N, C-alpha and C. Protein backbone atom coordinates (compact mmCIF):
# COMPACT_ATOMS: atom_id res chain seq x y z
N MET A 1 230.01 20.98 38.53
CA MET A 1 229.59 21.15 39.91
C MET A 1 229.66 22.63 40.26
N ARG A 2 228.64 23.09 40.99
CA ARG A 2 228.58 24.51 41.33
C ARG A 2 227.84 24.71 42.65
N ILE A 3 227.94 25.92 43.19
CA ILE A 3 227.13 26.30 44.35
C ILE A 3 225.73 26.60 43.82
N ILE A 4 224.70 26.09 44.47
CA ILE A 4 223.33 26.20 43.99
C ILE A 4 222.70 27.55 44.33
N ALA A 5 222.86 28.02 45.58
CA ALA A 5 222.17 29.24 46.01
C ALA A 5 222.97 29.96 47.08
N GLY A 6 222.54 31.18 47.38
CA GLY A 6 223.15 31.95 48.44
C GLY A 6 224.24 32.88 47.95
N THR A 7 225.12 33.26 48.83
CA THR A 7 226.18 34.22 48.57
C THR A 7 227.05 33.85 47.38
N PHE A 8 227.35 32.58 47.22
CA PHE A 8 228.26 32.12 46.16
C PHE A 8 227.51 31.44 45.01
N ARG A 9 226.24 31.75 44.87
CA ARG A 9 225.39 31.12 43.86
C ARG A 9 226.05 31.09 42.49
N SER A 10 225.97 29.92 41.85
CA SER A 10 226.45 29.65 40.48
C SER A 10 227.96 29.62 40.35
N ARG A 11 228.69 29.77 41.44
CA ARG A 11 230.15 29.71 41.35
C ARG A 11 230.57 28.25 41.16
N PRO A 12 231.49 27.98 40.24
CA PRO A 12 231.92 26.60 39.98
C PRO A 12 232.79 26.04 41.10
N LEU A 13 232.73 24.72 41.25
CA LEU A 13 233.55 24.00 42.22
C LEU A 13 234.34 22.92 41.50
N GLN A 14 235.53 22.64 42.02
CA GLN A 14 236.33 21.54 41.51
C GLN A 14 235.94 20.25 42.22
N ALA A 15 236.23 19.13 41.58
CA ALA A 15 236.05 17.81 42.20
C ALA A 15 237.37 17.07 42.08
N PRO A 16 237.69 16.22 43.06
CA PRO A 16 238.93 15.45 42.96
C PRO A 16 238.91 14.53 41.73
N PRO A 17 240.06 14.34 41.10
CA PRO A 17 240.10 13.44 39.94
C PRO A 17 239.88 11.99 40.35
N GLY A 18 239.45 11.18 39.41
CA GLY A 18 239.28 9.75 39.67
C GLY A 18 237.93 9.45 40.26
N LEU A 19 237.75 8.22 40.66
CA LEU A 19 236.46 7.75 41.15
C LEU A 19 236.42 7.52 42.65
N ALA A 20 237.53 7.81 43.35
CA ALA A 20 237.58 7.57 44.78
C ALA A 20 236.62 8.48 45.55
N THR A 21 236.42 9.71 45.05
CA THR A 21 235.50 10.65 45.67
C THR A 21 234.33 10.85 44.74
N ARG A 22 233.11 10.76 45.28
CA ARG A 22 231.89 10.92 44.50
C ARG A 22 231.14 12.13 45.06
N PRO A 23 231.32 13.30 44.43
CA PRO A 23 230.66 14.50 44.96
C PRO A 23 229.14 14.39 44.91
N THR A 24 228.48 15.00 45.89
CA THR A 24 227.03 15.06 45.92
C THR A 24 226.57 15.89 44.72
N THR A 25 225.64 15.37 43.95
CA THR A 25 225.19 16.07 42.74
C THR A 25 224.52 17.39 43.09
N ASP A 26 224.51 18.31 42.12
CA ASP A 26 223.85 19.60 42.31
C ASP A 26 222.39 19.40 42.67
N ARG A 27 221.72 18.50 41.97
CA ARG A 27 220.29 18.27 42.20
C ARG A 27 220.02 17.74 43.61
N LEU A 28 220.84 16.80 44.08
CA LEU A 28 220.64 16.26 45.42
C LEU A 28 220.97 17.30 46.48
N ARG A 29 222.01 18.11 46.25
CA ARG A 29 222.34 19.19 47.19
C ARG A 29 221.19 20.19 47.27
N GLU A 30 220.57 20.49 46.13
CA GLU A 30 219.44 21.41 46.13
C GLU A 30 218.29 20.83 46.96
N THR A 31 217.99 19.56 46.78
CA THR A 31 216.95 18.90 47.57
C THR A 31 217.29 18.94 49.06
N LEU A 32 218.53 18.59 49.40
CA LEU A 32 218.97 18.61 50.80
C LEU A 32 218.77 19.98 51.42
N PHE A 33 219.23 21.03 50.74
CA PHE A 33 219.16 22.36 51.34
C PHE A 33 217.76 22.96 51.28
N ASN A 34 216.91 22.49 50.41
CA ASN A 34 215.50 22.90 50.47
C ASN A 34 214.88 22.38 51.76
N VAL A 35 215.22 21.16 52.14
CA VAL A 35 214.70 20.59 53.39
C VAL A 35 215.31 21.31 54.60
N LEU A 36 216.61 21.64 54.53
CA LEU A 36 217.31 22.26 55.66
C LEU A 36 217.11 23.77 55.76
N ALA A 37 216.46 24.38 54.77
CA ALA A 37 216.34 25.84 54.70
C ALA A 37 215.95 26.51 56.03
N PRO A 38 214.96 26.00 56.76
CA PRO A 38 214.59 26.68 58.01
C PRO A 38 215.66 26.58 59.11
N ARG A 39 216.62 25.68 58.95
CA ARG A 39 217.61 25.43 60.00
C ARG A 39 219.01 25.96 59.68
N ILE A 40 219.27 26.36 58.43
CA ILE A 40 220.65 26.59 58.00
C ILE A 40 221.23 27.93 58.48
N HIS A 41 220.43 28.99 58.50
CA HIS A 41 220.97 30.30 58.86
C HIS A 41 221.51 30.30 60.30
N GLY A 42 222.78 30.62 60.43
CA GLY A 42 223.43 30.69 61.74
C GLY A 42 223.81 29.35 62.32
N ALA A 43 223.65 28.27 61.57
CA ALA A 43 223.91 26.93 62.08
C ALA A 43 225.41 26.61 62.12
N ALA A 44 225.77 25.74 63.04
CA ALA A 44 227.09 25.11 63.06
C ALA A 44 226.94 23.79 62.31
N PHE A 45 227.70 23.63 61.24
CA PHE A 45 227.54 22.53 60.29
C PHE A 45 228.79 21.65 60.31
N LEU A 46 228.61 20.35 60.46
CA LEU A 46 229.71 19.39 60.44
C LEU A 46 229.61 18.56 59.18
N ASP A 47 230.64 18.66 58.32
CA ASP A 47 230.68 17.95 57.04
C ASP A 47 231.68 16.80 57.16
N LEU A 48 231.16 15.59 57.46
CA LEU A 48 231.99 14.41 57.61
C LEU A 48 232.24 13.77 56.24
N TYR A 49 233.44 13.26 56.00
CA TYR A 49 233.83 12.72 54.70
C TYR A 49 233.62 13.83 53.65
N ALA A 50 234.20 14.99 53.89
CA ALA A 50 233.89 16.22 53.15
C ALA A 50 234.23 16.18 51.67
N GLY A 51 235.23 15.41 51.28
CA GLY A 51 235.59 15.37 49.86
C GLY A 51 235.95 16.75 49.35
N SER A 52 235.30 17.18 48.27
CA SER A 52 235.57 18.50 47.67
C SER A 52 235.04 19.65 48.53
N GLY A 53 234.22 19.32 49.53
CA GLY A 53 233.64 20.34 50.38
C GLY A 53 232.35 20.93 49.85
N ALA A 54 231.80 20.38 48.76
CA ALA A 54 230.63 20.96 48.10
C ALA A 54 229.45 21.16 49.05
N VAL A 55 229.18 20.20 49.92
CA VAL A 55 228.03 20.32 50.82
C VAL A 55 228.28 21.39 51.87
N GLY A 56 229.45 21.37 52.50
CA GLY A 56 229.78 22.39 53.50
C GLY A 56 229.86 23.78 52.90
N LEU A 57 230.38 23.89 51.69
CA LEU A 57 230.46 25.19 51.01
C LEU A 57 229.06 25.71 50.68
N GLU A 58 228.18 24.81 50.29
CA GLU A 58 226.78 25.20 50.06
C GLU A 58 226.16 25.72 51.35
N ALA A 59 226.47 25.06 52.48
CA ALA A 59 225.97 25.50 53.78
C ALA A 59 226.47 26.92 54.09
N LEU A 60 227.76 27.17 53.87
CA LEU A 60 228.29 28.52 54.09
C LEU A 60 227.62 29.54 53.19
N SER A 61 227.43 29.19 51.93
CA SER A 61 226.80 30.09 50.97
C SER A 61 225.39 30.46 51.40
N ARG A 62 224.70 29.53 52.05
CA ARG A 62 223.31 29.74 52.45
C ARG A 62 223.17 30.28 53.87
N GLY A 63 224.28 30.64 54.52
CA GLY A 63 224.17 31.34 55.80
C GLY A 63 224.55 30.57 57.04
N ALA A 64 225.15 29.39 56.90
CA ALA A 64 225.65 28.70 58.10
C ALA A 64 226.71 29.58 58.76
N ALA A 65 226.73 29.59 60.07
CA ALA A 65 227.70 30.42 60.80
C ALA A 65 229.10 29.85 60.70
N HIS A 66 229.21 28.52 60.70
CA HIS A 66 230.52 27.87 60.70
C HIS A 66 230.38 26.46 60.15
N VAL A 67 231.38 26.04 59.38
CA VAL A 67 231.42 24.67 58.87
C VAL A 67 232.74 24.04 59.28
N THR A 68 232.65 22.84 59.82
CA THR A 68 233.83 22.04 60.14
C THR A 68 233.89 20.90 59.13
N PHE A 69 234.99 20.84 58.38
CA PHE A 69 235.20 19.81 57.36
C PHE A 69 236.09 18.72 57.92
N ILE A 70 235.70 17.46 57.77
CA ILE A 70 236.52 16.31 58.17
C ILE A 70 236.85 15.53 56.91
N GLU A 71 238.13 15.44 56.60
CA GLU A 71 238.57 14.73 55.39
C GLU A 71 240.01 14.28 55.61
N ARG A 72 240.34 13.08 55.12
CA ARG A 72 241.70 12.56 55.28
C ARG A 72 242.44 12.35 53.97
N ALA A 73 241.74 12.23 52.84
CA ALA A 73 242.37 11.93 51.56
C ALA A 73 243.11 13.16 51.03
N PRO A 74 244.42 13.04 50.76
CA PRO A 74 245.20 14.20 50.30
C PRO A 74 244.64 14.86 49.03
N ALA A 75 244.18 14.07 48.06
CA ALA A 75 243.65 14.66 46.82
C ALA A 75 242.39 15.46 47.11
N ALA A 76 241.51 14.94 47.96
CA ALA A 76 240.29 15.65 48.31
C ALA A 76 240.60 16.92 49.11
N LEU A 77 241.56 16.84 50.03
CA LEU A 77 241.95 18.02 50.81
C LEU A 77 242.49 19.13 49.91
N LYS A 78 243.26 18.74 48.91
CA LYS A 78 243.82 19.72 47.97
C LYS A 78 242.68 20.44 47.24
N VAL A 79 241.68 19.69 46.77
CA VAL A 79 240.55 20.29 46.06
C VAL A 79 239.70 21.12 47.00
N LEU A 80 239.47 20.65 48.22
CA LEU A 80 238.70 21.41 49.21
C LEU A 80 239.35 22.77 49.44
N ARG A 81 240.65 22.79 49.66
CA ARG A 81 241.37 24.06 49.87
C ARG A 81 241.30 24.95 48.63
N ALA A 82 241.39 24.35 47.45
CA ALA A 82 241.29 25.12 46.20
C ALA A 82 239.91 25.74 46.06
N ASN A 83 238.87 25.00 46.44
CA ASN A 83 237.50 25.53 46.36
C ASN A 83 237.31 26.68 47.35
N LEU A 84 237.83 26.55 48.55
CA LEU A 84 237.75 27.64 49.53
C LEU A 84 238.48 28.88 49.00
N SER A 85 239.65 28.67 48.43
CA SER A 85 240.44 29.76 47.88
C SER A 85 239.72 30.44 46.71
N ALA A 86 239.17 29.64 45.78
CA ALA A 86 238.47 30.19 44.62
C ALA A 86 237.26 31.03 45.03
N LEU A 87 236.63 30.67 46.14
CA LEU A 87 235.48 31.42 46.64
C LEU A 87 235.90 32.55 47.58
N ALA A 88 237.21 32.65 47.84
CA ALA A 88 237.78 33.67 48.74
C ALA A 88 237.19 33.57 50.15
N ILE A 89 236.95 32.34 50.60
CA ILE A 89 236.45 32.10 51.96
C ILE A 89 237.67 31.94 52.86
N THR A 90 237.81 32.84 53.81
CA THR A 90 238.97 32.80 54.71
C THR A 90 238.58 32.62 56.17
N THR A 91 237.29 32.74 56.49
CA THR A 91 236.83 32.57 57.86
C THR A 91 235.55 31.74 57.86
N GLY A 92 235.14 31.31 59.05
CA GLY A 92 233.89 30.58 59.17
C GLY A 92 234.01 29.10 58.93
N PHE A 93 235.23 28.58 58.90
CA PHE A 93 235.41 27.15 58.68
C PHE A 93 236.66 26.65 59.40
N LYS A 94 236.70 25.34 59.55
CA LYS A 94 237.88 24.65 60.10
C LYS A 94 237.99 23.33 59.35
N ILE A 95 239.21 22.96 58.99
CA ILE A 95 239.46 21.67 58.34
C ILE A 95 240.23 20.79 59.30
N HIS A 96 239.75 19.57 59.52
CA HIS A 96 240.47 18.57 60.31
C HIS A 96 240.92 17.48 59.35
N GLU A 97 242.22 17.30 59.23
CA GLU A 97 242.79 16.27 58.36
C GLU A 97 242.89 14.97 59.15
N THR A 98 241.80 14.24 59.18
CA THR A 98 241.74 13.02 59.97
C THR A 98 240.59 12.15 59.47
N SER A 99 240.58 10.92 59.92
CA SER A 99 239.43 10.04 59.68
C SER A 99 238.30 10.44 60.61
N VAL A 100 237.10 10.05 60.25
CA VAL A 100 235.92 10.46 61.01
C VAL A 100 235.89 9.85 62.41
N ALA A 101 236.11 8.54 62.53
CA ALA A 101 235.99 7.89 63.85
C ALA A 101 236.93 8.50 64.89
N PRO A 102 238.22 8.68 64.61
CA PRO A 102 239.08 9.32 65.61
C PRO A 102 238.62 10.73 65.98
N PHE A 103 238.13 11.47 65.01
CA PHE A 103 237.63 12.82 65.30
C PHE A 103 236.47 12.75 66.28
N LEU A 104 235.50 11.85 66.03
CA LEU A 104 234.31 11.76 66.87
C LEU A 104 234.59 11.16 68.24
N ARG A 105 235.72 10.50 68.40
CA ARG A 105 236.07 9.91 69.70
C ARG A 105 236.73 10.92 70.63
N LYS A 106 237.17 12.06 70.07
CA LYS A 106 237.78 13.11 70.90
C LYS A 106 236.69 13.96 71.53
N PRO A 107 236.98 14.58 72.68
CA PRO A 107 235.98 15.50 73.25
C PRO A 107 235.74 16.66 72.28
N PRO A 108 234.48 17.05 72.10
CA PRO A 108 234.18 18.11 71.14
C PRO A 108 234.57 19.49 71.64
N ALA A 109 235.03 20.33 70.73
CA ALA A 109 235.31 21.73 71.06
C ALA A 109 234.01 22.53 71.00
N SER A 110 233.03 22.03 70.24
CA SER A 110 231.73 22.69 70.12
C SER A 110 230.70 21.65 69.69
N THR A 111 229.45 22.08 69.66
CA THR A 111 228.38 21.20 69.19
C THR A 111 227.90 21.68 67.82
N PHE A 112 227.17 20.81 67.13
CA PHE A 112 226.73 21.09 65.78
C PHE A 112 225.21 20.96 65.67
N ASP A 113 224.65 21.88 64.90
CA ASP A 113 223.20 21.86 64.64
C ASP A 113 222.85 20.90 63.51
N LEU A 114 223.77 20.79 62.54
CA LEU A 114 223.56 19.93 61.37
C LEU A 114 224.82 19.12 61.12
N VAL A 115 224.65 17.82 60.92
CA VAL A 115 225.77 16.93 60.63
C VAL A 115 225.43 16.19 59.35
N PHE A 116 226.34 16.28 58.38
CA PHE A 116 226.15 15.60 57.10
C PHE A 116 227.25 14.58 56.92
N LEU A 117 226.88 13.34 56.53
CA LEU A 117 227.90 12.33 56.28
C LEU A 117 227.62 11.65 54.96
N ASP A 118 228.70 11.47 54.21
CA ASP A 118 228.63 10.87 52.89
C ASP A 118 229.90 10.05 52.67
N PRO A 119 230.03 8.92 53.39
CA PRO A 119 231.21 8.07 53.18
C PRO A 119 231.18 7.46 51.78
N PRO A 120 232.30 6.91 51.34
CA PRO A 120 232.26 6.18 50.06
C PRO A 120 231.16 5.12 50.11
N TRP A 121 230.37 5.05 49.05
CA TRP A 121 229.24 4.14 49.05
C TRP A 121 229.66 2.69 49.22
N ASP A 122 230.85 2.33 48.80
CA ASP A 122 231.30 0.95 48.94
C ASP A 122 231.79 0.63 50.35
N ALA A 123 231.89 1.65 51.20
CA ALA A 123 232.33 1.44 52.58
C ALA A 123 231.11 1.42 53.50
N ALA A 124 230.27 0.42 53.31
CA ALA A 124 229.01 0.33 54.05
C ALA A 124 229.22 0.35 55.56
N GLU A 125 230.32 -0.23 56.02
CA GLU A 125 230.59 -0.27 57.47
C GLU A 125 230.79 1.13 58.05
N GLU A 126 231.20 2.10 57.22
CA GLU A 126 231.40 3.48 57.69
C GLU A 126 230.08 4.10 58.13
N TYR A 127 229.00 3.79 57.42
CA TYR A 127 227.70 4.34 57.80
C TYR A 127 227.32 3.89 59.20
N ALA A 128 227.35 2.58 59.42
CA ALA A 128 226.96 2.04 60.72
C ALA A 128 227.86 2.54 61.83
N SER A 129 229.18 2.53 61.61
CA SER A 129 230.08 2.95 62.69
C SER A 129 229.91 4.43 63.01
N THR A 130 229.78 5.28 61.98
CA THR A 130 229.63 6.71 62.23
C THR A 130 228.28 7.03 62.86
N LEU A 131 227.21 6.45 62.34
CA LEU A 131 225.89 6.71 62.92
C LEU A 131 225.78 6.15 64.34
N ASN A 132 226.40 4.99 64.60
CA ASN A 132 226.42 4.46 65.97
C ASN A 132 227.19 5.38 66.91
N LEU A 133 228.32 5.92 66.44
CA LEU A 133 229.08 6.87 67.27
C LEU A 133 228.22 8.10 67.58
N LEU A 134 227.57 8.66 66.55
CA LEU A 134 226.76 9.87 66.76
C LEU A 134 225.53 9.58 67.61
N GLY A 135 225.04 8.36 67.60
CA GLY A 135 223.88 7.99 68.41
C GLY A 135 224.24 7.56 69.80
N ASP A 136 225.53 7.47 70.09
CA ASP A 136 225.98 7.00 71.40
C ASP A 136 227.00 7.97 71.99
N GLY A 137 228.25 7.56 72.08
CA GLY A 137 229.28 8.36 72.74
C GLY A 137 229.54 9.71 72.12
N ALA A 138 229.45 9.81 70.80
CA ALA A 138 229.71 11.09 70.13
C ALA A 138 228.48 11.98 70.07
N SER A 139 227.40 11.56 70.73
CA SER A 139 226.19 12.40 70.73
C SER A 139 226.46 13.75 71.39
N ARG A 140 227.55 13.85 72.13
CA ARG A 140 227.93 15.12 72.75
C ARG A 140 228.31 16.16 71.69
N TYR A 141 228.51 15.73 70.45
CA TYR A 141 228.76 16.65 69.34
C TYR A 141 227.48 17.31 68.84
N LEU A 142 226.34 16.77 69.23
CA LEU A 142 225.06 17.24 68.71
C LEU A 142 224.41 18.26 69.62
N ALA A 143 224.07 19.42 69.04
CA ALA A 143 223.32 20.43 69.77
C ALA A 143 221.90 19.92 69.98
N PRO A 144 221.15 20.51 70.91
CA PRO A 144 219.75 20.11 71.06
C PRO A 144 219.01 20.25 69.73
N GLU A 145 218.22 19.26 69.38
CA GLU A 145 217.44 19.22 68.15
C GLU A 145 218.30 19.17 66.89
N ALA A 146 219.54 18.74 67.02
CA ALA A 146 220.42 18.60 65.85
C ALA A 146 219.86 17.57 64.88
N VAL A 147 220.16 17.76 63.61
CA VAL A 147 219.75 16.83 62.57
C VAL A 147 221.02 16.22 61.97
N VAL A 148 221.00 14.90 61.82
CA VAL A 148 222.09 14.16 61.18
C VAL A 148 221.55 13.61 59.87
N ILE A 149 222.25 13.92 58.77
CA ILE A 149 221.81 13.48 57.46
C ILE A 149 222.87 12.58 56.84
N ALA A 150 222.45 11.41 56.38
CA ALA A 150 223.36 10.48 55.70
C ALA A 150 222.95 10.37 54.25
N GLU A 151 223.91 10.65 53.35
CA GLU A 151 223.67 10.39 51.93
C GLU A 151 224.17 8.98 51.65
N HIS A 152 223.35 8.19 50.98
CA HIS A 152 223.74 6.80 50.72
C HIS A 152 223.13 6.33 49.41
N ARG A 153 223.57 5.18 48.99
CA ARG A 153 223.03 4.55 47.79
C ARG A 153 221.57 4.20 48.06
N ARG A 154 220.72 4.47 47.10
CA ARG A 154 219.28 4.21 47.27
C ARG A 154 219.01 2.75 47.64
N LYS A 155 219.76 1.84 47.05
CA LYS A 155 219.56 0.41 47.30
C LYS A 155 220.11 -0.03 48.66
N GLN A 156 220.92 0.82 49.28
CA GLN A 156 221.50 0.47 50.59
C GLN A 156 220.56 0.93 51.69
N SER A 157 220.06 -0.01 52.41
CA SER A 157 219.12 0.30 53.48
C SER A 157 219.89 0.61 54.77
N LEU A 158 219.65 1.79 55.31
CA LEU A 158 220.22 2.13 56.62
C LEU A 158 219.20 1.77 57.69
N ASN A 159 219.67 1.51 58.89
CA ASN A 159 218.77 1.16 59.99
C ASN A 159 217.89 2.36 60.35
N PRO A 160 216.70 2.10 60.86
CA PRO A 160 215.85 3.21 61.29
C PRO A 160 216.38 3.89 62.55
N SER A 161 217.24 3.19 63.32
CA SER A 161 217.78 3.76 64.56
C SER A 161 219.24 3.35 64.74
N TYR A 162 219.99 4.27 65.32
CA TYR A 162 221.38 4.02 65.75
C TYR A 162 221.52 4.68 67.11
N GLY A 163 221.48 3.87 68.18
CA GLY A 163 221.53 4.43 69.52
C GLY A 163 220.36 5.39 69.71
N SER A 164 220.65 6.63 70.10
CA SER A 164 219.59 7.61 70.34
C SER A 164 219.09 8.28 69.06
N LEU A 165 219.75 8.01 67.94
CA LEU A 165 219.32 8.61 66.67
C LEU A 165 218.23 7.76 66.01
N HIS A 166 217.18 8.43 65.58
CA HIS A 166 216.07 7.74 64.93
C HIS A 166 215.74 8.47 63.63
N ARG A 167 215.60 7.69 62.57
CA ARG A 167 215.28 8.30 61.27
C ARG A 167 213.85 8.81 61.28
N TYR A 168 213.69 10.05 60.81
CA TYR A 168 212.35 10.62 60.72
C TYR A 168 211.96 10.96 59.28
N ARG A 169 212.93 10.85 58.36
CA ARG A 169 212.60 11.16 56.96
C ARG A 169 213.59 10.44 56.05
N LEU A 170 213.09 9.95 54.93
CA LEU A 170 213.90 9.31 53.91
C LEU A 170 213.50 9.88 52.57
N LEU A 171 214.46 10.48 51.85
CA LEU A 171 214.22 11.03 50.52
C LEU A 171 215.06 10.26 49.52
N GLU A 172 214.45 9.84 48.43
CA GLU A 172 215.18 9.12 47.39
C GLU A 172 215.16 9.93 46.11
N GLN A 173 216.32 9.96 45.44
CA GLN A 173 216.44 10.71 44.20
C GLN A 173 217.46 10.02 43.31
N GLY A 174 217.04 9.50 42.18
CA GLY A 174 217.95 8.77 41.30
C GLY A 174 218.53 7.57 42.03
N ASP A 175 219.85 7.41 41.97
CA ASP A 175 220.53 6.31 42.66
C ASP A 175 220.83 6.62 44.12
N ALA A 176 220.57 7.85 44.56
CA ALA A 176 220.95 8.28 45.90
C ALA A 176 219.73 8.42 46.81
N ALA A 177 220.02 8.45 48.10
CA ALA A 177 218.98 8.67 49.11
C ALA A 177 219.58 9.51 50.24
N LEU A 178 218.71 10.21 50.94
CA LEU A 178 219.09 10.98 52.11
C LEU A 178 218.26 10.48 53.29
N SER A 179 218.94 10.03 54.35
CA SER A 179 218.25 9.63 55.58
C SER A 179 218.48 10.71 56.63
N PHE A 180 217.39 11.22 57.21
CA PHE A 180 217.46 12.28 58.21
C PHE A 180 217.19 11.67 59.59
N TYR A 181 218.09 11.95 60.53
CA TYR A 181 217.99 11.40 61.89
C TYR A 181 217.99 12.53 62.92
N GLN A 182 217.31 12.27 64.03
CA GLN A 182 217.37 13.12 65.22
C GLN A 182 217.37 12.24 66.44
N ALA A 183 217.89 12.80 67.53
CA ALA A 183 217.85 12.09 68.80
C ALA A 183 216.46 12.27 69.39
N THR A 184 215.62 11.27 69.20
CA THR A 184 214.24 11.32 69.69
C THR A 184 213.86 9.95 70.21
N GLU A 185 212.73 9.89 70.84
CA GLU A 185 212.22 8.59 71.27
C GLU A 185 211.63 7.88 70.05
N PRO A 186 211.80 6.55 69.95
CA PRO A 186 211.30 5.83 68.78
C PRO A 186 209.82 6.10 68.48
N ALA A 187 208.98 6.25 69.49
CA ALA A 187 207.55 6.44 69.28
C ALA A 187 207.26 7.76 68.59
N GLU A 188 208.20 8.72 68.66
CA GLU A 188 207.98 10.04 68.08
C GLU A 188 208.38 10.11 66.61
N THR A 189 208.97 9.08 66.06
CA THR A 189 209.46 9.15 64.69
C THR A 189 208.40 8.70 63.71
N SER A 190 208.48 9.26 62.51
CA SER A 190 207.64 8.80 61.40
C SER A 190 208.40 9.11 60.12
N GLU A 191 208.40 8.16 59.21
CA GLU A 191 209.11 8.37 57.96
C GLU A 191 208.17 8.95 56.93
N ASN A 192 208.68 9.94 56.18
CA ASN A 192 207.87 10.60 55.13
C ASN A 192 208.43 10.24 53.79
């Protein structure tokens, strides 16, 4: 695992041991950030279920202004901190050691331009609960025109809408898929 592009290009990243955390592959991260390229510079990025931090670290490498990592697993937090240290990143991020739902239920300190979520694939209920929170009460975390991206198993179908969030793009790659959502009116959405 490595950083794909930007300031930290080609720098290696650690992953937590075992199968509890499934890092986003280099190829899928490259696809994700190719799509996000026009939005990433100067963005506030929220990395939910951060794991090793690979996605948020890629965002920092490509010019995000700030990344907020949400992770509760001690092994993943240890690796996330080791990756930040190995890259000598000391500013531009915040780590919250908590579960996603309690974090999103608190009043936000700031809003985010990009929100990425990648819960464990076997925890299907996490997708619905997190996307419902972001499409409803936690929508206050979203800046105007914010994009919410969910990485999920290709065979797992996510709803086209969660509250005010409506999917406008679905990308499939190998066993994984990326669903892109924005707060828009249903009539304005189209899947590509």
